[in-house]
C-alpha atoms as a PDB file:
ATOM      1  CA  MET A   1     115.488 145.390-182.569  1.00  0.00           C
ATOM      2  CA  ALA A   2     114.527 148.856-183.804  1.00  0.00           C
ATOM      3  CA  SER A   3     116.189 150.171-186.931  1.00  0.00           C
ATOM      4  CA  VAL A   4     119.157 152.457-186.393  1.00  0.00           C
ATOM      5  CA  PRO A   5     119.141 155.766-188.279  1.00  0.00           C
ATOM      6  CA  GLU A   6     122.515 156.682-189.709  1.00  0.00           C
ATOM      7  CA  ASN A   7     122.331 160.437-190.278  1.00  0.00           C
ATOM      8  CA  ASN A   8     121.412 161.887-186.902  1.00  0.00           C
ATOM      9  CA  ASN A   9     124.036 164.216-185.507  1.00  0.00           C
ATOM     10  CA  TYR A  10     122.644 163.788-181.976  1.00  0.00           C
ATOM     11  CA  SER A  11     121.195 160.691-180.392  1.00  0.00           C
ATOM     12  CA  ILE A  12     119.346 161.637-177.189  1.00  0.00           C
ATOM     13  CA  ILE A  13     119.104 158.524-175.022  1.00  0.00           C
ATOM     14  CA  ILE A  14     116.439 158.464-172.327  1.00  0.00           C
ATOM     15  CA  PRO A  15     116.068 155.385-170.094  1.00  0.00           C
ATOM     16  CA  THR A  16     112.531 154.874-168.799  1.00  0.00           C
ATOM     17  CA  TYR A  17     110.520 152.729-166.450  1.00  0.00           C
ATOM     18  CA  HIS A  18     106.921 153.740-165.758  1.00  0.00           C
ATOM     19  CA  GLU A  19     107.255 157.325-166.985  1.00  0.00           C
ATOM     20  CA  ARG A  20     104.097 157.652-169.081  1.00  0.00           C
ATOM     21  CA  ASP A  21     103.035 160.936-167.461  1.00  0.00           C
ATOM     22  CA  ASN A  22     106.322 162.627-168.346  1.00  0.00           C
ATOM     23  CA  ILE A  23     107.004 161.368-171.877  1.00  0.00           C
ATOM     24  CA  SER A  24     104.799 163.734-173.881  1.00  0.00           C
ATOM     25  CA  PRO A  25     105.897 167.014-172.239  1.00  0.00           C
ATOM     26  CA  LEU A  26     109.512 165.834-172.271  1.00  0.00           C
ATOM     27  CA  ILE A  27     109.564 165.121-176.005  1.00  0.00           C
ATOM     28  CA  GLU A  28     107.744 168.365-176.803  1.00  0.00           C
ATOM     29  CA  ARG A  29     110.247 170.404-174.772  1.00  0.00           C
ATOM     30  CA  ILE A  30     113.206 168.575-176.349  1.00  0.00           C
ATOM     31  CA  ALA A  31     111.822 169.391-179.803  1.00  0.00           C
ATOM     32  CA  ASP A  32     111.660 173.083-178.923  1.00  0.00           C
ATOM     33  CA  ALA A  33     115.160 173.063-177.411  1.00  0.00           C
ATOM     34  CA  MET A  34     116.769 171.162-180.325  1.00  0.00           C
ATOM     35  CA  ALA A  35     115.006 173.070-183.109  1.00  0.00           C
ATOM     36  CA  GLY A  36     117.366 173.545-186.041  1.00  0.00           C
ATOM     37  CA  ARG A  37     119.587 170.580-185.127  1.00  0.00           C
ATOM     38  CA  ASP A  38     119.606 167.075-186.550  1.00  0.00           C
ATOM     39  CA  TYR A  39     118.657 164.702-183.736  1.00  0.00           C
ATOM     40  CA  GLU A  40     116.776 161.597-182.712  1.00  0.00           C
ATOM     41  CA  ILE A  41     115.273 160.659-179.367  1.00  0.00           C
ATOM     42  CA  VAL A  42     115.755 157.056-178.308  1.00  0.00           C
ATOM     43  CA  ILE A  43     113.665 155.819-175.400  1.00  0.00           C
ATOM     44  CA  VAL A  44     115.175 152.701-173.802  1.00  0.00           C
ATOM     45  CA  ASP A  45     112.352 151.242-171.748  1.00  0.00           C
ATOM     46  CA  ASP A  46     112.644 148.434-169.200  1.00  0.00           C
ATOM     47  CA  ASN A  47     109.331 146.832-170.209  1.00  0.00           C
ATOM     48  CA  SER A  48     107.031 149.336-168.493  1.00  0.00           C
ATOM     49  CA  ARG A  49     103.430 148.224-168.019  1.00  0.00           C
ATOM     50  CA  ASP A  50     101.948 151.702-167.752  1.00  0.00           C
ATOM     51  CA  GLY A  51     101.475 152.461-171.460  1.00  0.00           C
ATOM     52  CA  THR A  52     104.827 154.177-172.060  1.00  0.00           C
ATOM     53  CA  TYR A  53     105.328 152.188-175.275  1.00  0.00           C
ATOM     54  CA  ASP A  54     101.968 153.228-176.760  1.00  0.00           C
ATOM     55  CA  ILE A  55     102.564 156.891-175.991  1.00  0.00           C
ATOM     56  CA  VAL A  56     105.983 156.877-177.660  1.00  0.00           C
ATOM     57  CA  LYS A  57     104.673 155.064-180.729  1.00  0.00           C
ATOM     58  CA  LYS A  58     101.941 157.684-181.080  1.00  0.00           C
ATOM     59  CA  LEU A  59     104.417 160.548-180.716  1.00  0.00           C
ATOM     60  CA  SER A  60     106.753 158.985-183.303  1.00  0.00           C
ATOM     61  CA  SER A  61     104.421 160.185-186.073  1.00  0.00           C
ATOM     62  CA  SER A  62     105.144 163.801-185.125  1.00  0.00           C
ATOM     63  CA  TYR A  63     108.632 163.709-183.568  1.00  0.00           C
ATOM     64  CA  PRO A  64     111.955 161.918-184.337  1.00  0.00           C
ATOM     65  CA  VAL A  65     111.460 159.487-181.455  1.00  0.00           C
ATOM     66  CA  ARG A  66     111.602 155.704-181.233  1.00  0.00           C
ATOM     67  CA  ILE A  67     111.482 153.221-178.414  1.00  0.00           C
ATOM     68  CA  ILE A  68     113.575 150.144-177.617  1.00  0.00           C
ATOM     69  CA  VAL A  69     111.996 147.787-175.082  1.00  0.00           C
ATOM     70  CA  ARG A  70     114.229 145.585-172.934  1.00  0.00           C
ATOM     71  CA  GLU A  71     112.226 142.671-171.596  1.00  0.00           C
ATOM     72  CA  ASN A  72     114.834 140.859-169.513  1.00  0.00           C
ATOM     73  CA  GLU A  73     117.117 143.632-168.255  1.00  0.00           C
ATOM     74  CA  ARG A  74     116.803 146.368-165.667  1.00  0.00           C
ATOM     75  CA  GLY A  75     118.898 149.355-164.640  1.00  0.00           C
ATOM     76  CA  LEU A  76     119.518 152.900-165.784  1.00  0.00           C
ATOM     77  CA  GLY A  77     123.227 152.469-166.501  1.00  0.00           C
ATOM     78  CA  SER A  78     122.830 149.354-168.621  1.00  0.00           C
ATOM     79  CA  ALA A  79     119.863 150.943-170.419  1.00  0.00           C
ATOM     80  CA  VAL A  80     122.070 153.855-171.501  1.00  0.00           C
ATOM     81  CA  VAL A  81     124.755 151.446-172.752  1.00  0.00           C
ATOM     82  CA  HIS A  82     122.071 149.534-174.669  1.00  0.00           C
ATOM     83  CA  GLY A  83     120.965 152.810-176.223  1.00  0.00           C
ATOM     84  CA  ILE A  84     124.513 153.758-177.235  1.00  0.00           C
ATOM     85  CA  LYS A  85     124.924 150.402-178.974  1.00  0.00           C
ATOM     86  CA  ASN A  86     121.681 150.935-180.894  1.00  0.00           C
ATOM     87  CA  THR A  87     122.248 154.470-182.139  1.00  0.00           C
ATOM     88  CA  GLN A  88     124.697 156.011-184.571  1.00  0.00           C
ATOM     89  CA  GLY A  89     124.549 159.722-183.827  1.00  0.00           C
ATOM     90  CA  LYS A  90     128.005 161.276-183.863  1.00  0.00           C
ATOM     91  CA  ARG A  91     127.140 162.913-180.548  1.00  0.00           C
ATOM     92  CA  VAL A  92     125.216 161.342-177.705  1.00  0.00           C
ATOM     93  CA  VAL A  93     123.095 163.041-175.052  1.00  0.00           C
ATOM     94  CA  VAL A  94     121.907 161.250-171.916  1.00  0.00           C
ATOM     95  CA  MET A  95     119.095 162.558-169.740  1.00  0.00           C
ATOM     96  CA  ASP A  96     116.360 161.292-167.449  1.00  0.00           C
ATOM     97  CA  ALA A  97     112.697 161.044-168.391  1.00  0.00           C
ATOM     98  CA  ASP A  98     111.307 162.597-165.216  1.00  0.00           C
ATOM     99  CA  LEU A  99     111.798 166.248-166.273  1.00  0.00           C
ATOM    100  CA  GLN A 100     114.311 166.813-163.484  1.00  0.00           C
ATOM    101  CA  HIS A 101     116.818 167.480-166.267  1.00  0.00           C
ATOM    102  CA  PRO A 102     115.353 170.586-167.991  1.00  0.00           C
ATOM    103  CA  PRO A 103     115.439 170.151-171.789  1.00  0.00           C
ATOM    104  CA  GLU A 104     115.901 173.915-172.093  1.00  0.00           C
ATOM    105  CA  VAL A 105     119.530 173.394-171.017  1.00  0.00           C
ATOM    106  CA  LEU A 106     120.218 171.198-174.067  1.00  0.00           C
ATOM    107  CA  PRO A 107     121.384 174.051-176.361  1.00  0.00           C
ATOM    108  CA  SER A 108     124.061 175.041-173.813  1.00  0.00           C
ATOM    109  CA  LEU A 109     125.063 171.416-173.273  1.00  0.00           C
ATOM    110  CA  VAL A 110     125.421 170.456-176.932  1.00  0.00           C
ATOM    111  CA  GLY A 111     126.951 173.866-177.632  1.00  0.00           C
ATOM    112  CA  LYS A 112     129.944 172.852-175.508  1.00  0.00           C
ATOM    113  CA  ILE A 113     130.409 169.739-177.662  1.00  0.00           C
ATOM    114  CA  GLU A 114     130.141 171.818-180.817  1.00  0.00           C
ATOM    115  CA  GLY A 115     132.732 174.148-179.319  1.00  0.00           C
ATOM    116  CA  GLY A 116     135.301 171.355-178.962  1.00  0.00           C
ATOM    117  CA  ALA A 117     134.579 169.597-175.658  1.00  0.00           C
ATOM    118  CA  ASP A 118     134.678 165.797-175.633  1.00  0.00           C
ATOM    119  CA  ILE A 119     132.204 165.588-172.756  1.00  0.00           C
ATOM    120  CA  ALA A 120     129.741 168.218-171.536  1.00  0.00           C
ATOM    121  CA  VAL A 121     128.258 167.709-168.089  1.00  0.00           C
ATOM    122  CA  GLY A 122     125.070 169.280-166.815  1.00  0.00           C
ATOM    123  CA  SER A 123     126.326 170.334-163.395  1.00  0.00           C
ATOM    124  CA  ARG A 124     124.451 171.125-160.190  1.00  0.00           C
ATOM    125  CA  TYR A 125     127.636 172.301-158.485  1.00  0.00           C
ATOM    126  CA  VAL A 126     129.099 175.020-160.686  1.00  0.00           C
ATOM    127  CA  PRO A 127     127.998 178.657-160.346  1.00  0.00           C
ATOM    128  CA  GLY A 128     124.448 178.944-161.621  1.00  0.00           C
ATOM    129  CA  GLY A 129     123.564 175.330-160.864  1.00  0.00           C
ATOM    130  CA  GLY A 130     121.582 173.931-157.972  1.00  0.00           C
ATOM    131  CA  CYS A 131     119.026 171.478-156.630  1.00  0.00           C
ATOM    132  CA  GLU A 132     115.407 172.435-156.152  1.00  0.00           C
ATOM    133  CA  GLY A 133     113.542 171.175-153.114  1.00  0.00           C
ATOM    134  CA  TRP A 134     116.214 168.808-151.800  1.00  0.00           C
ATOM    135  CA  SER A 135     116.179 167.881-148.141  1.00  0.00           C
ATOM    136  CA  ARG A 136     119.325 168.295-146.062  1.00  0.00           C
ATOM    137  CA  THR A 137     119.687 164.501-145.949  1.00  0.00           C
ATOM    138  CA  ARG A 138     119.653 164.197-149.719  1.00  0.00           C
ATOM    139  CA  LYS A 139     122.165 167.013-150.068  1.00  0.00           C
ATOM    140  CA  ILE A 140     124.489 165.236-147.635  1.00  0.00           C
ATOM    141  CA  ILE A 141     124.112 161.926-149.495  1.00  0.00           C
ATOM    142  CA  SER A 142     124.874 163.615-152.823  1.00  0.00           C
ATOM    143  CA  ALA A 143     127.886 165.478-151.428  1.00  0.00           C
ATOM    144  CA  GLY A 144     129.164 162.277-149.822  1.00  0.00           C
ATOM    145  CA  ALA A 145     128.827 160.318-153.059  1.00  0.00           C
ATOM    146  CA  GLY A 146     130.762 162.985-154.931  1.00  0.00           C
ATOM    147  CA  ALA A 147     133.473 163.022-152.270  1.00  0.00           C
ATOM    148  CA  ILE A 148     133.855 159.228-152.533  1.00  0.00           C
ATOM    149  CA  ALA A 149     134.378 159.526-156.292  1.00  0.00           C
ATOM    150  CA  HIS A 150     136.919 162.306-155.852  1.00  0.00           C
ATOM    151  CA  ILE A 151     138.841 160.381-153.174  1.00  0.00           C
ATOM    152  CA  PHE A 152     139.065 157.005-154.858  1.00  0.00           C
ATOM    153  CA  LEU A 153     138.948 158.032-158.544  1.00  0.00           C
ATOM    154  CA  PRO A 154     141.358 160.997-158.608  1.00  0.00           C
ATOM    155  CA  SER A 155     140.881 161.682-162.316  1.00  0.00           C
ATOM    156  CA  THR A 156     137.342 162.914-161.530  1.00  0.00           C
ATOM    157  CA  ARG A 157     138.539 165.694-159.228  1.00  0.00           C
ATOM    158  CA  ASN A 158     138.543 168.435-161.844  1.00  0.00           C
ATOM    159  CA  ILE A 159     134.833 167.774-162.416  1.00  0.00           C
ATOM    160  CA  LYS A 160     132.425 169.357-159.948  1.00  0.00           C
ATOM    161  CA  ASP A 161     129.529 166.995-160.677  1.00  0.00           C
ATOM    162  CA  PRO A 162     130.782 163.557-161.798  1.00  0.00           C
ATOM    163  CA  MET A 163     127.518 162.106-160.466  1.00  0.00           C
ATOM    164  CA  SER A 164     125.335 163.937-162.975  1.00  0.00           C
ATOM    165  CA  GLY A 165     122.909 161.958-165.107  1.00  0.00           C
ATOM    166  CA  PHE A 166     122.579 164.801-167.635  1.00  0.00           C
ATOM    167  CA  PHE A 167     125.449 164.995-170.104  1.00  0.00           C
ATOM    168  CA  ALA A 168     126.607 164.814-173.727  1.00  0.00           C
ATOM    169  CA  PHE A 169     129.705 163.331-175.353  1.00  0.00           C
ATOM    170  CA  ARG A 170     131.303 162.593-178.686  1.00  0.00           C
ATOM    171  CA  ARG A 171     130.639 158.990-179.645  1.00  0.00           C
ATOM    172  CA  ASP A 172     134.166 158.362-180.896  1.00  0.00           C
ATOM    173  CA  ILE A 173     135.735 158.797-177.433  1.00  0.00           C
ATOM    174  CA  VAL A 174     134.002 155.744-175.951  1.00  0.00           C
ATOM    175  CA  ASP A 175     133.877 152.090-176.958  1.00  0.00           C
ATOM    176  CA  PRO A 176     130.456 150.905-175.710  1.00  0.00           C
ATOM    177  CA  GLU A 177     131.758 147.339-175.480  1.00  0.00           C
ATOM    178  CA  LYS A 178     134.039 148.466-172.636  1.00  0.00           C
ATOM    179  CA  LEU A 179     131.251 150.052-170.624  1.00  0.00           C
ATOM    180  CA  ASN A 180     130.138 147.938-167.688  1.00  0.00           C
ATOM    181  CA  PRO A 181     128.207 150.141-165.249  1.00  0.00           C
ATOM    182  CA  ILE A 182     126.820 148.911-161.950  1.00  0.00           C
ATOM    183  CA  GLY A 183     123.746 150.876-160.941  1.00  0.00           C
ATOM    184  CA  TYR A 184     122.829 154.262-162.298  1.00  0.00           C
ATOM    185  CA  LYS A 185     125.929 156.511-162.384  1.00  0.00           C
ATOM    186  CA  ILE A 186     126.786 155.962-166.045  1.00  0.00           C
ATOM    187  CA  LEU A 187     128.713 159.256-166.353  1.00  0.00           C
ATOM    188  CA  LEU A 188     131.425 157.923-164.024  1.00  0.00           C
ATOM    189  CA  GLU A 189     131.821 154.919-166.316  1.00  0.00           C
ATOM    190  CA  ILE A 190     132.160 157.110-169.404  1.00  0.00           C
ATOM    191  CA  LEU A 191     134.585 159.503-167.713  1.00  0.00           C
ATOM    192  CA  MET A 192     136.843 156.618-166.714  1.00  0.00           C
ATOM    193  CA  GLU A 193     136.696 154.815-170.080  1.00  0.00           C
ATOM    194  CA  ALA A 194     136.900 157.860-172.367  1.00  0.00           C
ATOM    195  CA  LYS A 195     139.831 157.948-174.781  1.00  0.00           C
ATOM    196  CA  SER A 196     140.087 161.728-174.343  1.00  0.00           C
ATOM    197  CA  ARG A 197     138.734 163.941-171.586  1.00  0.00           C
ATOM    198  CA  ASN A 198     138.248 167.567-172.517  1.00  0.00           C
ATOM    199  CA  VAL A 199     135.348 168.083-170.100  1.00  0.00           C
ATOM    200  CA  ALA A 200     133.137 171.167-169.862  1.00  0.00           C
ATOM    201  CA  GLU A 201     130.420 171.760-167.286  1.00  0.00           C
ATOM    202  CA  VAL A 202     127.161 173.611-167.851  1.00  0.00           C
ATOM    203  CA  PRO A 203     125.076 174.804-164.892  1.00  0.00           C
ATOM    204  CA  PHE A 204     121.533 173.559-164.474  1.00  0.00           C
ATOM    205  CA  THR A 205     119.011 173.344-161.661  1.00  0.00           C
ATOM    206  CA  PHE A 206     117.909 169.833-160.800  1.00  0.00           C
ATOM    207  CA  VAL A 207     114.171 170.393-160.430  1.00  0.00           C
ATOM    208  CA  SER A 208     111.608 168.477-158.402  1.00  0.00           C
ATOM    209  CA  ARG A 209     109.834 165.570-160.073  1.00  0.00           C
ATOM    210  CA  SER A 210     106.401 166.653-161.338  1.00  0.00           C
ATOM    211  CA  ALA A 211     104.937 163.176-161.907  1.00  0.00           C
ATOM    212  CA  GLY A 212     105.741 159.550-161.123  1.00  0.00           C
ATOM    213  CA  GLU A 213     107.821 158.185-158.260  1.00  0.00           C
ATOM    214  CA  SER A 214     111.505 158.585-157.525  1.00  0.00           C
ATOM    215  CA  LYS A 215     113.582 155.461-158.059  1.00  0.00           C
ATOM    216  CA  LEU A 216     116.337 156.490-155.636  1.00  0.00           C
ATOM    217  CA  ASN A 217     116.669 153.864-152.912  1.00  0.00           C
ATOM    218  CA  ALA A 218     119.165 152.146-150.637  1.00  0.00           C
ATOM    219  CA  ARG A 219     119.890 149.497-153.265  1.00  0.00           C
ATOM    220  CA  GLN A 220     121.131 152.158-155.657  1.00  0.00           C
ATOM    221  CA  GLN A 221     123.476 153.512-153.000  1.00  0.00           C
ATOM    222  CA  ILE A 222     124.953 150.043-152.522  1.00  0.00           C
ATOM    223  CA  ASP A 223     125.292 149.623-156.290  1.00  0.00           C
ATOM    224  CA  TYR A 224     127.118 152.941-156.424  1.00  0.00           C
ATOM    225  CA  LEU A 225     129.718 151.765-153.916  1.00  0.00           C
ATOM    226  CA  LYS A 226     130.121 148.530-155.892  1.00  0.00           C
ATOM    227  CA  HIS A 227     130.619 150.591-159.045  1.00  0.00           C
ATOM    228  CA  ILE A 228     133.303 152.733-157.400  1.00  0.00           C
ATOM    229  CA  PHE A 229     135.094 149.582-156.248  1.00  0.00           C
ATOM    230  CA  ASP A 230     134.850 148.025-159.724  1.00  0.00           C
ATOM    231  CA  LEU A 231     136.221 151.161-161.407  1.00  0.00           C
ATOM    232  CA  MET A 232     139.076 151.276-158.897  1.00  0.00           C
ATOM    233  CA  LYS A 233     139.984 147.697-159.810  1.00  0.00           C
ATOM    234  CA  ARG A 234     139.766 148.290-163.545  1.00  0.00           C
ATOM    235  CA  LYS A 235     141.748 151.541-163.507  1.00  0.00           C
ATOM    236  CA  GLY A 236     144.461 150.452-161.072  1.00  0.00           C
ATOM    237  CA  GLU A 237     143.358 152.802-158.287  1.00  0.00           C
ATOM    238  CA  LEU A 238     142.537 149.913-155.940  1.00  0.00           C
ATOM    239  CA  LEU A 239     146.051 148.518-156.333  1.00  0.00           C
ATOM    240  CA  ARG A 240     147.443 152.024-155.766  1.00  0.00           C
ATOM    241  CA  PHE A 241     145.425 152.417-152.557  1.00  0.00           C
ATOM    242  CA  ILE A 242     146.556 148.983-151.321  1.00  0.00           C
ATOM    243  CA  ARG A 243     150.190 149.906-152.012  1.00  0.00           C
ATOM    244  CA  PHE A 244     149.742 153.158-150.133  1.00  0.00           C
ATOM    245  CA  CYS A 245     148.338 151.267-147.126  1.00  0.00           C
ATOM    246  CA  LEU A 246     151.162 148.696-147.219  1.00  0.00           C
ATOM    247  CA  VAL A 247     153.757 151.440-147.369  1.00  0.00           C
ATOM    248  CA  GLY A 248     152.044 153.079-144.408  1.00  0.00           C
ATOM    249  CA  ALA A 249     152.170 149.810-142.481  1.00  0.00           C
ATOM    250  CA  SER A 250     155.901 149.503-143.240  1.00  0.00           C
ATOM    251  CA  GLY A 251     156.334 152.983-141.826  1.00  0.00           C
ATOM    252  CA  VAL A 252     155.016 151.774-138.483  1.00  0.00           C
ATOM    253  CA  GLY A 253     157.812 149.186-138.432  1.00  0.00           C
ATOM    254  CA  VAL A 254     160.410 151.806-139.355  1.00  0.00           C
ATOM    255  CA  ASN A 255     159.088 154.133-136.669  1.00  0.00           C
ATOM    256  CA  ILE A 256     159.284 151.489-133.951  1.00  0.00           C
ATOM    257  CA  GLY A 257     162.667 150.197-135.172  1.00  0.00           C
ATOM    258  CA  VAL A 258     164.316 153.626-135.263  1.00  0.00           C
ATOM    259  CA  PHE A 259     162.909 154.519-131.861  1.00  0.00           C
ATOM    260  CA  ALA A 260     164.242 151.262-130.419  1.00  0.00           C
ATOM    261  CA  LEU A 261     167.692 151.852-131.938  1.00  0.00           C
ATOM    262  CA  LEU A 262     167.878 155.389-130.586  1.00  0.00           C
ATOM    263  CA  THR A 263     166.760 154.444-127.087  1.00  0.00           C
ATOM    264  CA  ARG A 264     168.341 150.984-126.760  1.00  0.00           C
ATOM    265  CA  LEU A 265     171.618 151.474-128.607  1.00  0.00           C
ATOM    266  CA  GLY A 266     171.865 155.216-129.110  1.00  0.00           C
ATOM    267  CA  GLY A 267     171.707 156.150-125.475  1.00  0.00           C
ATOM    268  CA  MET A 268     168.637 158.381-125.795  1.00  0.00           C
ATOM    269  CA  ASN A 269     166.004 158.320-123.061  1.00  0.00           C
ATOM    270  CA  GLU A 270     162.693 156.593-123.796  1.00  0.00           C
ATOM    271  CA  SER A 271     160.860 159.658-122.500  1.00  0.00           C
ATOM    272  CA  ASP A 272     162.909 161.988-124.708  1.00  0.00           C
ATOM    273  CA  PHE A 273     160.603 163.578-127.286  1.00  0.00           C
ATOM    274  CA  LEU A 274     163.564 164.030-129.662  1.00  0.00           C
ATOM    275  CA  ALA A 275     163.915 160.265-130.115  1.00  0.00           C
ATOM    276  CA  LEU A 276     160.223 159.973-130.968  1.00  0.00           C
ATOM    277  CA  ALA A 277     160.408 162.960-133.344  1.00  0.00           C
ATOM    278  CA  ILE A 278     163.398 161.496-135.191  1.00  0.00           C
ATOM    279  CA  ALA A 279     161.672 158.131-135.501  1.00  0.00           C
ATOM    280  CA  ILE A 280     158.517 159.752-136.872  1.00  0.00           C
ATOM    281  CA  GLU A 281     160.448 161.875-139.382  1.00  0.00           C
ATOM    282  CA  ILE A 282     162.528 158.955-140.672  1.00  0.00           C
ATOM    283  CA  SER A 283     159.386 156.841-141.102  1.00  0.00           C
ATOM    284  CA  ILE A 284     157.766 159.693-143.056  1.00  0.00           C
ATOM    285  CA  ILE A 285     160.825 159.974-145.323  1.00  0.00           C
ATOM    286  CA  THR A 286     160.915 156.222-145.993  1.00  0.00           C
ATOM    287  CA  ASN A 287     157.164 156.209-146.646  1.00  0.00           C
ATOM    288  CA  PHE A 288     157.540 159.075-149.090  1.00  0.00           C
ATOM    289  CA  THR A 289     160.425 157.412-150.932  1.00  0.00           C
ATOM    290  CA  LEU A 290     158.544 154.130-151.334  1.00  0.00           C
ATOM    291  CA  ASN A 291     155.387 155.885-152.467  1.00  0.00           C
ATOM    292  CA  ASP A 292     157.284 158.128-154.858  1.00  0.00           C
ATOM    293  CA  PHE A 293     159.050 155.252-156.585  1.00  0.00           C
ATOM    294  CA  PHE A 294     156.323 152.619-156.477  1.00  0.00           C
ATOM    295  CA  THR A 295     152.816 153.786-155.525  1.00  0.00           C
ATOM    296  CA  PHE A 296     152.843 157.013-157.559  1.00  0.00           C
ATOM    297  CA  ARG A 297     155.578 156.247-160.058  1.00  0.00           C
ATOM    298  CA  ASP A 298     153.322 157.414-162.927  1.00  0.00           C
ATOM    299  CA  ARG A 299     152.747 160.812-161.283  1.00  0.00           C
ATOM    300  CA  ARG A 300     156.273 161.791-160.323  1.00  0.00           C
ATOM    301  CA  SER A 301     156.260 164.720-162.748  1.00  0.00           C
ATOM    302  CA  SER A 302     154.289 166.706-160.168  1.00  0.00           C
ATOM    303  CA  GLY A 303     157.081 169.048-159.017  1.00  0.00           C
ATOM    304  CA  CYS A 304     160.617 168.325-157.842  1.00  0.00           C
ATOM    305  CA  PHE A 305     161.537 165.557-155.410  1.00  0.00           C
ATOM    306  CA  LEU A 306     162.197 167.867-152.451  1.00  0.00           C
ATOM    307  CA  LEU A 307     158.985 169.794-152.989  1.00  0.00           C
ATOM    308  CA  ARG A 308     156.970 166.562-153.063  1.00  0.00           C
ATOM    309  CA  LEU A 309     158.770 165.438-149.903  1.00  0.00           C
ATOM    310  CA  LEU A 310     157.887 168.709-148.172  1.00  0.00           C
ATOM    311  CA  LYS A 311     154.221 168.402-149.151  1.00  0.00           C
ATOM    312  CA  PHE A 312     154.111 164.769-148.033  1.00  0.00           C
ATOM    313  CA  ASN A 313     155.750 165.661-144.729  1.00  0.00           C
ATOM    314  CA  VAL A 314     153.292 168.424-143.892  1.00  0.00           C
ATOM    315  CA  ILE A 315     150.263 166.314-144.839  1.00  0.00           C
ATOM    316  CA  CYS A 316     151.414 163.301-142.824  1.00  0.00           C
ATOM    317  CA  LEU A 317     152.239 165.386-139.754  1.00  0.00           C
ATOM    318  CA  ALA A 318     148.730 166.820-139.974  1.00  0.00           C
ATOM    319  CA  GLY A 319     147.477 163.238-140.314  1.00  0.00           C
ATOM    320  CA  ALA A 320     149.263 162.312-137.095  1.00  0.00           C
ATOM    321  CA  GLY A 321     147.482 165.193-135.398  1.00  0.00           C
ATOM    322  CA  ILE A 322     144.154 163.993-136.785  1.00  0.00           C
ATOM    323  CA  GLN A 323     144.814 160.458-135.529  1.00  0.00           C
ATOM    324  CA  THR A 324     145.585 161.812-132.060  1.00  0.00           C
ATOM    325  CA  GLY A 325     142.480 164.004-132.093  1.00  0.00           C
ATOM    326  CA  VAL A 326     140.182 161.157-133.155  1.00  0.00           C
ATOM    327  CA  TYR A 327     141.663 158.916-130.481  1.00  0.00           C
ATOM    328  CA  ALA A 328     141.167 161.575-127.799  1.00  0.00           C
ATOM    329  CA  LEU A 329     137.581 162.204-128.880  1.00  0.00           C
ATOM    330  CA  LEU A 330     136.602 158.528-128.966  1.00  0.00           C
ATOM    331  CA  TYR A 331     138.539 157.288-125.939  1.00  0.00           C
ATOM    332  CA  HIS A 332     138.528 160.217-123.554  1.00  0.00           C
ATOM    333  CA  GLY A 333     135.338 161.875-124.806  1.00  0.00           C
ATOM    334  CA  LEU A 334     133.059 158.931-125.592  1.00  0.00           C
ATOM    335  CA  GLY A 335     134.658 156.173-123.533  1.00  0.00           C
ATOM    336  CA  ILE A 336     135.223 153.815-126.489  1.00  0.00           C
ATOM    337  CA  TYR A 337     137.757 150.995-126.002  1.00  0.00           C
ATOM    338  CA  ASP A 338     141.275 152.396-126.411  1.00  0.00           C
ATOM    339  CA  LEU A 339     142.543 150.020-129.104  1.00  0.00           C
ATOM    340  CA  LEU A 340     139.367 150.470-131.151  1.00  0.00           C
ATOM    341  CA  SER A 341     139.648 154.240-130.769  1.00  0.00           C
ATOM    342  CA  ASP A 342     143.263 154.116-131.929  1.00  0.00           C
ATOM    343  CA  PHE A 343     142.371 151.885-134.897  1.00  0.00           C
ATOM    344  CA  ILE A 344     139.599 154.257-136.023  1.00  0.00           C
ATOM    345  CA  GLY A 345     142.037 157.156-135.681  1.00  0.00           C
ATOM    346  CA  ILE A 346     144.551 155.326-137.879  1.00  0.00           C
ATOM    347  CA  ILE A 347     141.887 154.683-140.569  1.00  0.00           C
ATOM    348  CA  VAL A 348     140.765 158.324-140.585  1.00  0.00           C
ATOM    349  CA  ALA A 349     144.373 159.533-140.773  1.00  0.00           C
ATOM    350  CA  MET A 350     145.162 157.061-143.567  1.00  0.00           C
ATOM    351  CA  ILE A 351     142.239 158.306-145.667  1.00  0.00           C
ATOM    352  CA  TRP A 352     143.338 161.892-144.971  1.00  0.00           C
ATOM    353  CA  ASN A 353     146.887 161.107-146.039  1.00  0.00           C
ATOM    354  CA  TYR A 354     145.785 159.304-149.194  1.00  0.00           C
ATOM    355  CA  LEU A 355     143.295 161.975-150.226  1.00  0.00           C
ATOM    356  CA  LEU A 356     145.554 164.958-149.630  1.00  0.00           C
ATOM    357  CA  ASN A 357     148.651 163.327-151.109  1.00  0.00           C
ATOM    358  CA  THR A 358     146.875 162.232-154.271  1.00  0.00           C
ATOM    359  CA  TRP A 359     145.358 165.699-154.512  1.00  0.00           C
ATOM    360  CA  ILE A 360     148.445 167.781-153.714  1.00  0.00           C
ATOM    361  CA  THR A 361     151.675 165.756-153.677  1.00  0.00           C
ATOM    362  CA  TRP A 362     151.001 163.450-156.652  1.00  0.00           C
ATOM    363  CA  HIS A 363     148.129 165.032-158.591  1.00  0.00           C
END
């Protein structure tokens, strides 16, 4: 294991695998950007066979850079965790080796930490940020991945780019022993495990790779979904989502029961819209009450009871409209089997209800 310097204020961790063509210009540009600051560069390499190690060793005579080689492990996220455990800088920076994260942004990024932020994120999605040369497909994939994080990990919603791989943080807010990333989105892991979360975002343009091959593939997308699921389990969001779904299922029973009482015992006509409307409204009220006291008990400070009820009511009525619209599109428009069309409509409406209610009613 490489020795661990003790005085560096910044430890810049760069995971690598077959990045020999990018290492020299990267380190030179980092040196220019970090001039005047105390820092080290730690390359965590997954046993590249392209000469990366030799290049770093040569550069170490001129720059504060060292390399840690992992022979039996693979993966960007775990490489970053390995680097954190083998550095002692009071502040940690994480960036890629492929020059898609411009080192010239480092002064702005670390400046946010020096200004009091716990985490500073290089963001593609705040004003001034962007992505150079991305296809429409890649933009859709990136936007979809961010939306998934925002839906199922609500605490990330105030961050425009929780998927970024370019960020800095104070070491004392994270216990590296608790970090257990799956795949390559290590920032999500740190955001969810951080002891404090004063997050600032700095715009940057994600530039096209100048050398080497992209490592983005279908396997990484699957790992990302596994990571989201794992974080949901660890942070209680999976249990919250399950409770929300169970409460929703109970509402179906309430809806049917009230409708039956009104039409069988209450003398109302089965074709009377008023009976259906009353049944729907009572089921919404019971769903809200159960969610307010059980599913979102820890977030009940978000406004008064009646205001939360009003928000929930409006969102769920819109959800009912969405369910009806999806059903009509699939069944009447595309000829899909009616029960399957209805089921898909229910799923879409449920996700709508969960997303909007966690965003607006219980935020």
